[in-house]
Amino acid sequence: MHDSSPSKLVLLRFLERVQERDLARTRRWIVDEERREAERRRSIEARPPVPDWPIEQSIGHHAPPVYVHVGGCHMAGKRSKGVPPEQAVRALADGVDPCPHCRPDTDLGYIDG
């Protein structure tokens, strides 16, 4: 009786081709992920620095400021504009409230009055 099943060598060559395809696919995934990581790094590096002292404006074109924040405060709204520390202190002295979450008056050494 003649065995018609593939030889062990044929099976091993088939396995080798499958593994080479898998390895090539994995290497493509690695290249794609390296590209995405590089894009993320470039995006992070291209971001403007977080302003040290954002002043948040109220709604409306000529509305007065509402809060002074510490840069990076999660409560600072989209209508915030970063200013130098001297301008932040001036805003506090002029009656703009310090954010109750990040307390910029403490960081600026501003004592009310």
PDB file of N, CA and C in Angstrom:
ATOM      1  N   MET A   1       0.828  -1.172   0.000  1.00  0.00           N
ATOM      2  CA  MET A   1       0.000   0.000   0.000  1.00  0.00           C
ATOM      3  C   MET A   1       0.880   1.245   0.000  1.00  0.00           C
ATOM      4  N   HIS A   2       0.484   2.253  -0.791  1.00  0.00           N
ATOM      5  CA  HIS A   2       1.283   3.465  -0.955  1.00  0.00           C
ATOM      6  C   HIS A   2       0.655   4.603  -0.129  1.00  0.00           C
ATOM      7  N   ASP A   3       1.463   5.254   0.715  1.00  0.00           N
ATOM      8  CA  ASP A   3       0.989   6.364   1.550  1.00  0.00           C
ATOM      9  C   ASP A   3       0.907   7.626   0.693  1.00  0.00           C
ATOM     10  N   SER A   4      -0.293   8.211   0.531  1.00  0.00           N
ATOM     11  CA  SER A   4      -0.473   9.393  -0.308  1.00  0.00           C
ATOM     12  C   SER A   4      -0.388  10.703   0.486  1.00  0.00           C
ATOM     13  N   SER A   5      -0.137  10.642   1.781  1.00  0.00           N
ATOM     14  CA  SER A   5      -0.029  11.860   2.577  1.00  0.00           C
ATOM     15  C   SER A   5       1.293  12.564   2.273  1.00  0.00           C
ATOM     16  N   PRO A   6       1.311  13.919   2.414  1.00  0.00           N
ATOM     17  CA  PRO A   6       2.531  14.664   2.120  1.00  0.00           C
ATOM     18  C   PRO A   6       3.653  14.258   3.069  1.00  0.00           C
ATOM     19  N   SER A   7       4.848  14.374   2.554  1.00  0.00           N
ATOM     20  CA  SER A   7       6.002  14.020   3.384  1.00  0.00           C
ATOM     21  C   SER A   7       6.194  15.076   4.477  1.00  0.00           C
ATOM     22  N   LYS A   8       6.936  14.697   5.457  1.00  0.00           N
ATOM     23  CA  LYS A   8       7.221  15.613   6.557  1.00  0.00           C
ATOM     24  C   LYS A   8       7.930  16.856   6.026  1.00  0.00           C
ATOM     25  N   LEU A   9       8.823  16.687   5.061  1.00  0.00           N
ATOM     26  CA  LEU A   9       9.547  17.825   4.485  1.00  0.00           C
ATOM     27  C   LEU A   9       8.589  18.779   3.770  1.00  0.00           C
ATOM     28  N   VAL A  10       7.630  18.261   3.041  1.00  0.00           N
ATOM     29  CA  VAL A  10       6.640  19.103   2.357  1.00  0.00           C
ATOM     30  C   VAL A  10       5.833  19.896   3.387  1.00  0.00           C
ATOM     31  N   LEU A  11       5.443  19.236   4.452  1.00  0.00           N
ATOM     32  CA  LEU A  11       4.683  19.915   5.500  1.00  0.00           C
ATOM     33  C   LEU A  11       5.517  21.005   6.188  1.00  0.00           C
ATOM     34  N   LEU A  12       6.770  20.714   6.424  1.00  0.00           N
ATOM     35  CA  LEU A  12       7.636  21.712   7.049  1.00  0.00           C
ATOM     36  C   LEU A  12       7.866  22.914   6.126  1.00  0.00           C
ATOM     37  N   ARG A  13       8.000  22.668   4.820  1.00  0.00           N
ATOM     38  CA  ARG A  13       8.150  23.778   3.858  1.00  0.00           C
ATOM     39  C   ARG A  13       6.876  24.631   3.826  1.00  0.00           C
ATOM     40  N   PHE A  14       5.712  23.994   3.905  1.00  0.00           N
ATOM     41  CA  PHE A  14       4.449  24.720   3.955  1.00  0.00           C
ATOM     42  C   PHE A  14       4.389  25.587   5.217  1.00  0.00           C
ATOM     43  N   LEU A  15       4.748  24.999   6.347  1.00  0.00           N
ATOM     44  CA  LEU A  15       4.756  25.735   7.608  1.00  0.00           C
ATOM     45  C   LEU A  15       5.708  26.927   7.525  1.00  0.00           C
ATOM     46  N   GLU A  16       6.849  26.721   6.907  1.00  0.00           N
ATOM     47  CA  GLU A  16       7.827  27.801   6.756  1.00  0.00           C
ATOM     48  C   GLU A  16       7.221  28.962   5.954  1.00  0.00           C
ATOM     49  N   ARG A  17       6.518  28.680   4.853  1.00  0.00           N
ATOM     50  CA  ARG A  17       5.892  29.738   4.044  1.00  0.00           C
ATOM     51  C   ARG A  17       4.831  30.499   4.850  1.00  0.00           C
ATOM     52  N   VAL A  18       4.033  29.761   5.602  1.00  0.00           N
ATOM     53  CA  VAL A  18       3.008  30.397   6.430  1.00  0.00           C
ATOM     54  C   VAL A  18       3.668  31.316   7.463  1.00  0.00           C
ATOM     55  N   GLN A  19       4.697  30.842   8.110  1.00  0.00           N
ATOM     56  CA  GLN A  19       5.375  31.642   9.129  1.00  0.00           C
ATOM     57  C   GLN A  19       6.072  32.859   8.522  1.00  0.00           C
ATOM     58  N   GLU A  20       6.630  32.711   7.320  1.00  0.00           N
ATOM     59  CA  GLU A  20       7.255  33.858   6.651  1.00  0.00           C
ATOM     60  C   GLU A  20       6.209  34.929   6.332  1.00  0.00           C
ATOM     61  N   ARG A  21       5.025  34.508   5.890  1.00  0.00           N
ATOM     62  CA  ARG A  21       3.941  35.471   5.632  1.00  0.00           C
ATOM     63  C   ARG A  21       3.516  36.154   6.925  1.00  0.00           C
ATOM     64  N   ASP A  22       3.395  35.367   7.994  1.00  0.00           N
ATOM     65  CA  ASP A  22       3.028  35.945   9.294  1.00  0.00           C
ATOM     66  C   ASP A  22       4.091  36.934   9.774  1.00  0.00           C
ATOM     67  N   LEU A  23       5.345  36.581   9.618  1.00  0.00           N
ATOM     68  CA  LEU A  23       6.438  37.454  10.031  1.00  0.00           C
ATOM     69  C   LEU A  23       6.432  38.742   9.198  1.00  0.00           C
ATOM     70  N   ALA A  24       6.212  38.628   7.898  1.00  0.00           N
ATOM     71  CA  ALA A  24       6.155  39.818   7.038  1.00  0.00           C
ATOM     72  C   ALA A  24       5.000  40.729   7.467  1.00  0.00           C
ATOM     73  N   ARG A  25       3.863  40.140   7.783  1.00  0.00           N
ATOM     74  CA  ARG A  25       2.710  40.924   8.241  1.00  0.00           C
ATOM     75  C   ARG A  25       3.031  41.608   9.571  1.00  0.00           C
ATOM     76  N   THR A  26       3.637  40.895  10.486  1.00  0.00           N
ATOM     77  CA  THR A  26       3.997  41.467  11.781  1.00  0.00           C
ATOM     78  C   THR A  26       4.983  42.618  11.594  1.00  0.00           C
ATOM     79  N   ARG A  27       5.939  42.442  10.683  1.00  0.00           N
ATOM     80  CA  ARG A  27       6.906  43.513  10.424  1.00  0.00           C
ATOM     81  C   ARG A  27       6.212  44.738   9.826  1.00  0.00           C
ATOM     82  N   ARG A  28       5.199  44.561   8.973  1.00  0.00           N
ATOM     83  CA  ARG A  28       4.433  45.696   8.436  1.00  0.00           C
ATOM     84  C   ARG A  28       3.697  46.405   9.569  1.00  0.00           C
ATOM     85  N   TRP A  29       3.120  45.619  10.471  1.00  0.00           N
ATOM     86  CA  TRP A  29       2.436  46.217  11.623  1.00  0.00           C
ATOM     87  C   TRP A  29       3.403  47.045  12.462  1.00  0.00           C
ATOM     88  N   ILE A  30       4.603  46.536  12.655  1.00  0.00           N
ATOM     89  CA  ILE A  30       5.620  47.253  13.434  1.00  0.00           C
ATOM     90  C   ILE A  30       5.965  48.572  12.749  1.00  0.00           C
ATOM     91  N   VAL A  31       6.185  48.539  11.434  1.00  0.00           N
ATOM     92  CA  VAL A  31       6.510  49.758  10.684  1.00  0.00           C
ATOM     93  C   VAL A  31       5.361  50.763  10.803  1.00  0.00           C
ATOM     94  N   ASP A  32       4.124  50.277  10.655  1.00  0.00           N
ATOM     95  CA  ASP A  32       2.967  51.165  10.778  1.00  0.00           C
ATOM     96  C   ASP A  32       2.891  51.786  12.170  1.00  0.00           C
ATOM     97  N   GLU A  33       3.115  50.990  13.196  1.00  0.00           N
ATOM     98  CA  GLU A  33       3.047  51.501  14.567  1.00  0.00           C
ATOM     99  C   GLU A  33       4.191  52.473  14.843  1.00  0.00           C
ATOM    100  N   GLU A  34       5.380  52.209  14.323  1.00  0.00           N
ATOM    101  CA  GLU A  34       6.499  53.148  14.483  1.00  0.00           C
ATOM    102  C   GLU A  34       6.168  54.485  13.820  1.00  0.00           C
ATOM    103  N   ARG A  35       5.518  54.440  12.662  1.00  0.00           N
ATOM    104  CA  ARG A  35       5.121  55.665  11.967  1.00  0.00           C
ATOM    105  C   ARG A  35       4.100  56.434  12.799  1.00  0.00           C
ATOM    106  N   ARG A  36       3.097  55.719  13.346  1.00  0.00           N
ATOM    107  CA  ARG A  36       2.097  56.383  14.183  1.00  0.00           C
ATOM    108  C   ARG A  36       2.729  56.999  15.435  1.00  0.00           C
ATOM    109  N   GLU A  37       3.644  56.279  16.053  1.00  0.00           N
ATOM    110  CA  GLU A  37       4.333  56.805  17.241  1.00  0.00           C
ATOM    111  C   GLU A  37       5.120  58.063  16.900  1.00  0.00           C
ATOM    112  N   ALA A  38       5.819  58.056  15.769  1.00  0.00           N
ATOM    113  CA  ALA A  38       6.581  59.229  15.338  1.00  0.00           C
ATOM    114  C   ALA A  38       5.646  60.408  15.085  1.00  0.00           C
ATOM    115  N   GLU A  39       4.485  60.147  14.477  1.00  0.00           N
ATOM    116  CA  GLU A  39       3.500  61.209  14.248  1.00  0.00           C
ATOM    117  C   GLU A  39       2.979  61.761  15.572  1.00  0.00           C
ATOM    118  N   ARG A  40       2.731  60.882  16.536  1.00  0.00           N
ATOM    119  CA  ARG A  40       2.262  61.340  17.856  1.00  0.00           C
ATOM    120  C   ARG A  40       3.327  62.211  18.524  1.00  0.00           C
ATOM    121  N   ARG A  41       4.585  61.779  18.445  1.00  0.00           N
ATOM    122  CA  ARG A  41       5.668  62.573  19.057  1.00  0.00           C
ATOM    123  C   ARG A  41       5.772  63.949  18.389  1.00  0.00           C
ATOM    124  N   ARG A  42       5.712  63.975  17.037  1.00  0.00           N
ATOM    125  CA  ARG A  42       5.790  65.257  16.323  1.00  0.00           C
ATOM    126  C   ARG A  42       4.614  66.150  16.705  1.00  0.00           C
ATOM    127  N   SER A  43       3.448  65.562  16.852  1.00  0.00           N
ATOM    128  CA  SER A  43       2.259  66.325  17.230  1.00  0.00           C
ATOM    129  C   SER A  43       2.428  66.937  18.620  1.00  0.00           C
ATOM    130  N   ILE A  44       2.945  66.155  19.548  1.00  0.00           N
ATOM    131  CA  ILE A  44       3.154  66.641  20.916  1.00  0.00           C
ATOM    132  C   ILE A  44       4.204  67.741  20.928  1.00  0.00           C
ATOM    133  N   GLU A  45       5.293  67.545  20.176  1.00  0.00           N
ATOM    134  CA  GLU A  45       6.368  68.544  20.140  1.00  0.00           C
ATOM    135  C   GLU A  45       5.910  69.836  19.468  1.00  0.00           C
ATOM    136  N   ALA A  46       4.959  69.746  18.538  1.00  0.00           N
ATOM    137  CA  ALA A  46       4.495  70.924  17.804  1.00  0.00           C
ATOM    138  C   ALA A  46       3.459  71.733  18.582  1.00  0.00           C
ATOM    139  N   ARG A  47       2.939  71.177  19.655  1.00  0.00           N
ATOM    140  CA  ARG A  47       1.941  71.901  20.438  1.00  0.00           C
ATOM    141  C   ARG A  47       2.569  73.136  21.064  1.00  0.00           C
ATOM    142  N   PRO A  48       1.811  74.224  21.091  1.00  0.00           N
ATOM    143  CA  PRO A  48       2.350  75.399  21.790  1.00  0.00           C
ATOM    144  C   PRO A  48       2.414  75.105  23.279  1.00  0.00           C
ATOM    145  N   PRO A  49       3.338  75.728  23.972  1.00  0.00           N
ATOM    146  CA  PRO A  49       3.433  75.479  25.412  1.00  0.00           C
ATOM    147  C   PRO A  49       2.162  75.945  26.125  1.00  0.00           C
ATOM    148  N   VAL A  50       1.840  75.267  27.203  1.00  0.00           N
ATOM    149  CA  VAL A  50       0.677  75.644  28.008  1.00  0.00           C
ATOM    150  C   VAL A  50       1.005  76.980  28.667  1.00  0.00           C
ATOM    151  N   PRO A  51       0.123  77.975  28.522  1.00  0.00           N
ATOM    152  CA  PRO A  51       0.413  79.272  29.147  1.00  0.00           C
ATOM    153  C   PRO A  51       0.428  79.136  30.662  1.00  0.00           C
ATOM    154  N   ASP A  52       1.291  79.909  31.287  1.00  0.00           N
ATOM    155  CA  ASP A  52       1.403  79.837  32.740  1.00  0.00           C
ATOM    156  C   ASP A  52       0.167  80.383  33.448  1.00  0.00           C
ATOM    157  N   TRP A  53      -0.439  81.417  32.890  1.00  0.00           N
ATOM    158  CA  TRP A  53      -1.530  82.086  33.587  1.00  0.00           C
ATOM    159  C   TRP A  53      -2.663  82.432  32.614  1.00  0.00           C
ATOM    160  N   PRO A  54      -3.511  81.476  32.280  1.00  0.00           N
ATOM    161  CA  PRO A  54      -4.639  81.783  31.398  1.00  0.00           C
ATOM    162  C   PRO A  54      -5.684  82.629  32.118  1.00  0.00           C
ATOM    163  N   ILE A  55      -6.202  83.616  31.397  1.00  0.00           N
ATOM    164  CA  ILE A  55      -7.326  84.397  31.899  1.00  0.00           C
ATOM    165  C   ILE A  55      -8.526  84.001  31.052  1.00  0.00           C
ATOM    166  N   GLU A  56      -9.564  83.521  31.725  1.00  0.00           N
ATOM    167  CA  GLU A  56     -10.756  83.039  31.033  1.00  0.00           C
ATOM    168  C   GLU A  56     -11.768  84.166  30.875  1.00  0.00           C
ATOM    169  N   GLN A  57     -12.204  84.371  29.640  1.00  0.00           N
ATOM    170  CA  GLN A  57     -13.189  85.400  29.334  1.00  0.00           C
ATOM    171  C   GLN A  57     -14.593  84.824  29.490  1.00  0.00           C
ATOM    172  N   SER A  58     -15.528  85.687  29.831  1.00  0.00           N
ATOM    173  CA  SER A  58     -16.932  85.305  29.887  1.00  0.00           C
ATOM    174  C   SER A  58     -17.457  85.222  28.457  1.00  0.00           C
ATOM    175  N   ILE A  59     -18.694  84.765  28.306  1.00  0.00           N
ATOM    176  CA  ILE A  59     -19.312  84.665  26.989  1.00  0.00           C
ATOM    177  C   ILE A  59     -19.669  86.071  26.508  1.00  0.00           C
ATOM    178  N   GLY A  60     -19.422  86.327  25.250  1.00  0.00           N
ATOM    179  CA  GLY A  60     -19.733  87.629  24.665  1.00  0.00           C
ATOM    180  C   GLY A  60     -18.467  88.318  24.186  1.00  0.00           C
ATOM    181  N   HIS A  61     -18.631  89.167  23.187  1.00  0.00           N
ATOM    182  CA  HIS A  61     -17.480  89.794  22.533  1.00  0.00           C
ATOM    183  C   HIS A  61     -16.660  90.676  23.477  1.00  0.00           C
ATOM    184  N   HIS A  62     -17.322  91.525  24.221  1.00  0.00           N
ATOM    185  CA  HIS A  62     -16.594  92.437  25.114  1.00  0.00           C
ATOM    186  C   HIS A  62     -16.849  92.108  26.586  1.00  0.00           C
ATOM    187  N   ALA A  63     -17.116  90.854  26.860  1.00  0.00           N
ATOM    188  CA  ALA A  63     -17.416  90.442  28.237  1.00  0.00           C
ATOM    189  C   ALA A  63     -16.148  90.496  29.085  1.00  0.00           C
ATOM    190  N   PRO A  64     -16.300  90.785  30.359  1.00  0.00           N
ATOM    191  CA  PRO A  64     -15.127  90.852  31.244  1.00  0.00           C
ATOM    192  C   PRO A  64     -14.579  89.459  31.550  1.00  0.00           C
ATOM    193  N   PRO A  65     -13.332  89.406  32.005  1.00  0.00           N
ATOM    194  CA  PRO A  65     -12.762  88.109  32.395  1.00  0.00           C
ATOM    195  C   PRO A  65     -13.499  87.533  33.596  1.00  0.00           C
ATOM    196  N   VAL A  66     -13.501  86.191  33.684  1.00  0.00           N
ATOM    197  CA  VAL A  66     -14.193  85.522  34.772  1.00  0.00           C
ATOM    198  C   VAL A  66     -13.215  84.964  35.795  1.00  0.00           C
ATOM    199  N   TYR A  67     -12.178  84.303  35.309  1.00  0.00           N
ATOM    200  CA  TYR A  67     -11.227  83.641  36.201  1.00  0.00           C
ATOM    201  C   TYR A  67      -9.794  83.788  35.695  1.00  0.00           C
ATOM    202  N   VAL A  68      -8.889  83.784  36.643  1.00  0.00           N
ATOM    203  CA  VAL A  68      -7.461  83.604  36.354  1.00  0.00           C
ATOM    204  C   VAL A  68      -7.153  82.162  36.750  1.00  0.00           C
ATOM    205  N   HIS A  69      -6.395  81.460  35.902  1.00  0.00           N
ATOM    206  CA  HIS A  69      -6.057  80.059  36.146  1.00  0.00           C
ATOM    207  C   HIS A  69      -4.538  79.867  36.163  1.00  0.00           C
ATOM    208  N   VAL A  70      -4.128  78.757  36.736  1.00  0.00           N
ATOM    209  CA  VAL A  70      -2.758  78.276  36.577  1.00  0.00           C
ATOM    210  C   VAL A  70      -2.730  77.498  35.264  1.00  0.00           C
ATOM    211  N   GLY A  71      -1.662  77.624  34.485  1.00  0.00           N
ATOM    212  CA  GLY A  71      -1.565  76.902  33.212  1.00  0.00           C
ATOM    213  C   GLY A  71      -1.800  75.410  33.414  1.00  0.00           C
ATOM    214  N   GLY A  72      -2.593  74.841  32.516  1.00  0.00           N
ATOM    215  CA  GLY A  72      -2.894  73.418  32.587  1.00  0.00           C
ATOM    216  C   GLY A  72      -4.100  73.078  33.449  1.00  0.00           C
ATOM    217  N   CYS A  73      -4.734  74.084  34.036  1.00  0.00           N
ATOM    218  CA  CYS A  73      -5.912  73.829  34.865  1.00  0.00           C
ATOM    219  C   CYS A  73      -7.002  73.204  33.996  1.00  0.00           C
ATOM    220  N   HIS A  74      -7.562  72.111  34.468  1.00  0.00           N
ATOM    221  CA  HIS A  74      -8.589  71.414  33.696  1.00  0.00           C
ATOM    222  C   HIS A  74      -9.903  72.202  33.631  1.00  0.00           C
ATOM    223  N   MET A  75     -10.040  73.202  34.450  1.00  0.00           N
ATOM    224  CA  MET A  75     -11.266  73.998  34.460  1.00  0.00           C
ATOM    225  C   MET A  75     -11.190  75.223  33.535  1.00  0.00           C
ATOM    226  N   ALA A  76     -10.010  75.530  33.019  1.00  0.00           N
ATOM    227  CA  ALA A  76      -9.875  76.686  32.121  1.00  0.00           C
ATOM    228  C   ALA A  76     -10.661  76.417  30.845  1.00  0.00           C
ATOM    229  N   GLY A  77     -11.524  77.345  30.498  1.00  0.00           N
ATOM    230  CA  GLY A  77     -12.367  77.176  29.317  1.00  0.00           C
ATOM    231  C   GLY A  77     -11.621  77.490  28.028  1.00  0.00           C
ATOM    232  N   LYS A  78     -12.325  77.277  26.933  1.00  0.00           N
ATOM    233  CA  LYS A  78     -11.744  77.531  25.612  1.00  0.00           C
ATOM    234  C   LYS A  78     -11.556  79.017  25.353  1.00  0.00           C
ATOM    235  N   ARG A  79     -12.210  79.848  26.113  1.00  0.00           N
ATOM    236  CA  ARG A  79     -12.091  81.292  25.927  1.00  0.00           C
ATOM    237  C   ARG A  79     -10.992  81.858  26.822  1.00  0.00           C
ATOM    238  N   SER A  80      -9.931  81.102  27.028  1.00  0.00           N
ATOM    239  CA  SER A  80      -8.828  81.535  27.880  1.00  0.00           C
ATOM    240  C   SER A  80      -7.654  81.986  27.034  1.00  0.00           C
ATOM    241  N   LYS A  81      -6.951  82.975  27.531  1.00  0.00           N
ATOM    242  CA  LYS A  81      -5.761  83.477  26.850  1.00  0.00           C
ATOM    243  C   LYS A  81      -4.644  83.586  27.879  1.00  0.00           C
ATOM    244  N   GLY A  82      -3.479  83.015  27.542  1.00  0.00           N
ATOM    245  CA  GLY A  82      -2.344  83.047  28.456  1.00  0.00           C
ATOM    246  C   GLY A  82      -1.738  84.436  28.545  1.00  0.00           C
ATOM    247  N   VAL A  83      -1.370  84.802  29.758  1.00  0.00           N
ATOM    248  CA  VAL A  83      -0.754  86.116  29.998  1.00  0.00           C
ATOM    249  C   VAL A  83       0.473  85.930  30.893  1.00  0.00           C
ATOM    250  N   PRO A  84       1.363  86.931  30.910  1.00  0.00           N
ATOM    251  CA  PRO A  84       2.506  86.872  31.834  1.00  0.00           C
ATOM    252  C   PRO A  84       2.026  87.000  33.286  1.00  0.00           C
ATOM    253  N   PRO A  85       2.847  86.576  34.230  1.00  0.00           N
ATOM    254  CA  PRO A  85       2.421  86.606  35.641  1.00  0.00           C
ATOM    255  C   PRO A  85       2.031  88.000  36.125  1.00  0.00           C
ATOM    256  N   GLU A  86       2.720  89.028  35.655  1.00  0.00           N
ATOM    257  CA  GLU A  86       2.395  90.392  36.098  1.00  0.00           C
ATOM    258  C   GLU A  86       0.972  90.768  35.698  1.00  0.00           C
ATOM    259  N   GLN A  87       0.562  90.360  34.495  1.00  0.00           N
ATOM    260  CA  GLN A  87      -0.785  90.666  34.033  1.00  0.00           C
ATOM    261  C   GLN A  87      -1.819  89.846  34.801  1.00  0.00           C
ATOM    262  N   ALA A  88      -1.466  88.625  35.175  1.00  0.00           N
ATOM    263  CA  ALA A  88      -2.372  87.797  35.972  1.00  0.00           C
ATOM    264  C   ALA A  88      -2.590  88.413  37.350  1.00  0.00           C
ATOM    265  N   VAL A  89      -1.503  88.912  37.959  1.00  0.00           N
ATOM    266  CA  VAL A  89      -1.619  89.570  39.266  1.00  0.00           C
ATOM    267  C   VAL A  89      -2.470  90.834  39.136  1.00  0.00           C
ATOM    268  N   ARG A  90      -2.256  91.585  38.055  1.00  0.00           N
ATOM    269  CA  ARG A  90      -3.042  92.805  37.827  1.00  0.00           C
ATOM    270  C   ARG A  90      -4.524  92.448  37.696  1.00  0.00           C
ATOM    271  N   ALA A  91      -4.836  91.368  36.979  1.00  0.00           N
ATOM    272  CA  ALA A  91      -6.235  90.947  36.817  1.00  0.00           C
ATOM    273  C   ALA A  91      -6.841  90.597  38.172  1.00  0.00           C
ATOM    274  N   LEU A  92      -6.085  89.897  39.002  1.00  0.00           N
ATOM    275  CA  LEU A  92      -6.579  89.565  40.344  1.00  0.00           C
ATOM    276  C   LEU A  92      -6.816  90.837  41.150  1.00  0.00           C
ATOM    277  N   ALA A  93      -5.877  91.789  41.072  1.00  0.00           N
ATOM    278  CA  ALA A  93      -6.015  93.056  41.800  1.00  0.00           C
ATOM    279  C   ALA A  93      -7.214  93.860  41.292  1.00  0.00           C
ATOM    280  N   ASP A  94      -7.524  93.694  40.003  1.00  0.00           N
ATOM    281  CA  ASP A  94      -8.662  94.402  39.409  1.00  0.00           C
ATOM    282  C   ASP A  94      -9.990  93.697  39.667  1.00  0.00           C
ATOM    283  N   GLY A  95      -9.973  92.598  40.419  1.00  0.00           N
ATOM    284  CA  GLY A  95     -11.215  91.949  40.812  1.00  0.00           C
ATOM    285  C   GLY A  95     -11.593  90.687  40.059  1.00  0.00           C
ATOM    286  N   VAL A  96     -10.732  90.227  39.149  1.00  0.00           N
ATOM    287  CA  VAL A  96     -11.029  88.964  38.480  1.00  0.00           C
ATOM    288  C   VAL A  96     -10.812  87.848  39.497  1.00  0.00           C
ATOM    289  N   ASP A  97     -11.752  86.941  39.588  1.00  0.00           N
ATOM    290  CA  ASP A  97     -11.669  85.871  40.581  1.00  0.00           C
ATOM    291  C   ASP A  97     -10.579  84.865  40.232  1.00  0.00           C
ATOM    292  N   PRO A  98      -9.875  84.361  41.248  1.00  0.00           N
ATOM    293  CA  PRO A  98      -8.968  83.233  41.006  1.00  0.00           C
ATOM    294  C   PRO A  98      -9.793  81.953  40.867  1.00  0.00           C
ATOM    295  N   CYS A  99      -9.383  81.067  40.020  1.00  0.00           N
ATOM    296  CA  CYS A  99     -10.084  79.790  39.868  1.00  0.00           C
ATOM    297  C   CYS A  99     -10.087  79.070  41.217  1.00  0.00           C
ATOM    298  N   PRO A 100     -11.246  78.624  41.671  1.00  0.00           N
ATOM    299  CA  PRO A 100     -11.292  77.942  42.966  1.00  0.00           C
ATOM    300  C   PRO A 100     -10.671  76.542  42.935  1.00  0.00           C
ATOM    301  N   HIS A 101     -10.373  76.026  41.741  1.00  0.00           N
ATOM    302  CA  HIS A 101      -9.787  74.692  41.636  1.00  0.00           C
ATOM    303  C   HIS A 101      -8.262  74.724  41.651  1.00  0.00           C
ATOM    304  N   CYS A 102      -7.675  75.636  40.855  1.00  0.00           N
ATOM    305  CA  CYS A 102      -6.205  75.632  40.736  1.00  0.00           C
ATOM    306  C   CYS A 102      -5.532  76.698  41.596  1.00  0.00           C
ATOM    307  N   ARG A 103      -6.289  77.645  42.135  1.00  0.00           N
ATOM    308  CA  ARG A 103      -5.810  78.672  43.056  1.00  0.00           C
ATOM    309  C   ARG A 103      -4.546  79.399  42.561  1.00  0.00           C
ATOM    310  N   PRO A 104      -4.631  80.137  41.449  1.00  0.00           N
ATOM    311  CA  PRO A 104      -3.462  80.850  40.941  1.00  0.00           C
ATOM    312  C   PRO A 104      -2.977  81.944  41.880  1.00  0.00           C
ATOM    313  N   ASP A 105      -3.874  82.483  42.709  1.00  0.00           N
ATOM    314  CA  ASP A 105      -3.458  83.518  43.653  1.00  0.00           C
ATOM    315  C   ASP A 105      -2.403  82.996  44.606  1.00  0.00           C
ATOM    316  N   THR A 106      -2.537  81.719  44.989  1.00  0.00           N
ATOM    317  CA  THR A 106      -1.541  81.098  45.884  1.00  0.00           C
ATOM    318  C   THR A 106      -0.201  80.986  45.172  1.00  0.00           C
ATOM    319  N   ASP A 107      -0.228  80.478  43.943  1.00  0.00           N
ATOM    320  CA  ASP A 107       1.022  80.305  43.183  1.00  0.00           C
ATOM    321  C   ASP A 107       1.678  81.640  42.862  1.00  0.00           C
ATOM    322  N   LEU A 108       0.862  82.654  42.637  1.00  0.00           N
ATOM    323  CA  LEU A 108       1.404  83.981  42.299  1.00  0.00           C
ATOM    324  C   LEU A 108       1.809  84.772  43.542  1.00  0.00           C
ATOM    325  N   GLY A 109       1.470  84.266  44.723  1.00  0.00           N
ATOM    326  CA  GLY A 109       1.785  84.963  45.958  1.00  0.00           C
ATOM    327  C   GLY A 109       0.911  86.189  46.151  1.00  0.00           C
ATOM    328  N   TYR A 110      -0.262  86.187  45.514  1.00  0.00           N
ATOM    329  CA  TYR A 110      -1.169  87.334  45.614  1.00  0.00           C
ATOM    330  C   TYR A 110      -2.027  87.187  46.870  1.00  0.00           C
ATOM    331  N   ILE A 111      -2.008  88.246  47.672  1.00  0.00           N
ATOM    332  CA  ILE A 111      -2.849  88.287  48.866  1.00  0.00           C
ATOM    333  C   ILE A 111      -3.902  89.354  48.611  1.00  0.00           C
ATOM    334  N   ASP A 112      -5.154  88.956  48.683  1.00  0.00           N
ATOM    335  CA  ASP A 112      -6.273  89.860  48.396  1.00  0.00           C
ATOM    336  C   ASP A 112      -6.189  91.077  49.285  1.00  0.00           C
ATOM    337  N   GLY A 113      -6.321  92.241  48.650  1.00  0.00           N
ATOM    338  CA  GLY A 113      -6.354  93.465  49.433  1.00  0.00           C
ATOM    339  C   GLY A 113      -5.227  94.286  49.089  1.00  0.00           C
TER     340      GLY A 113
END
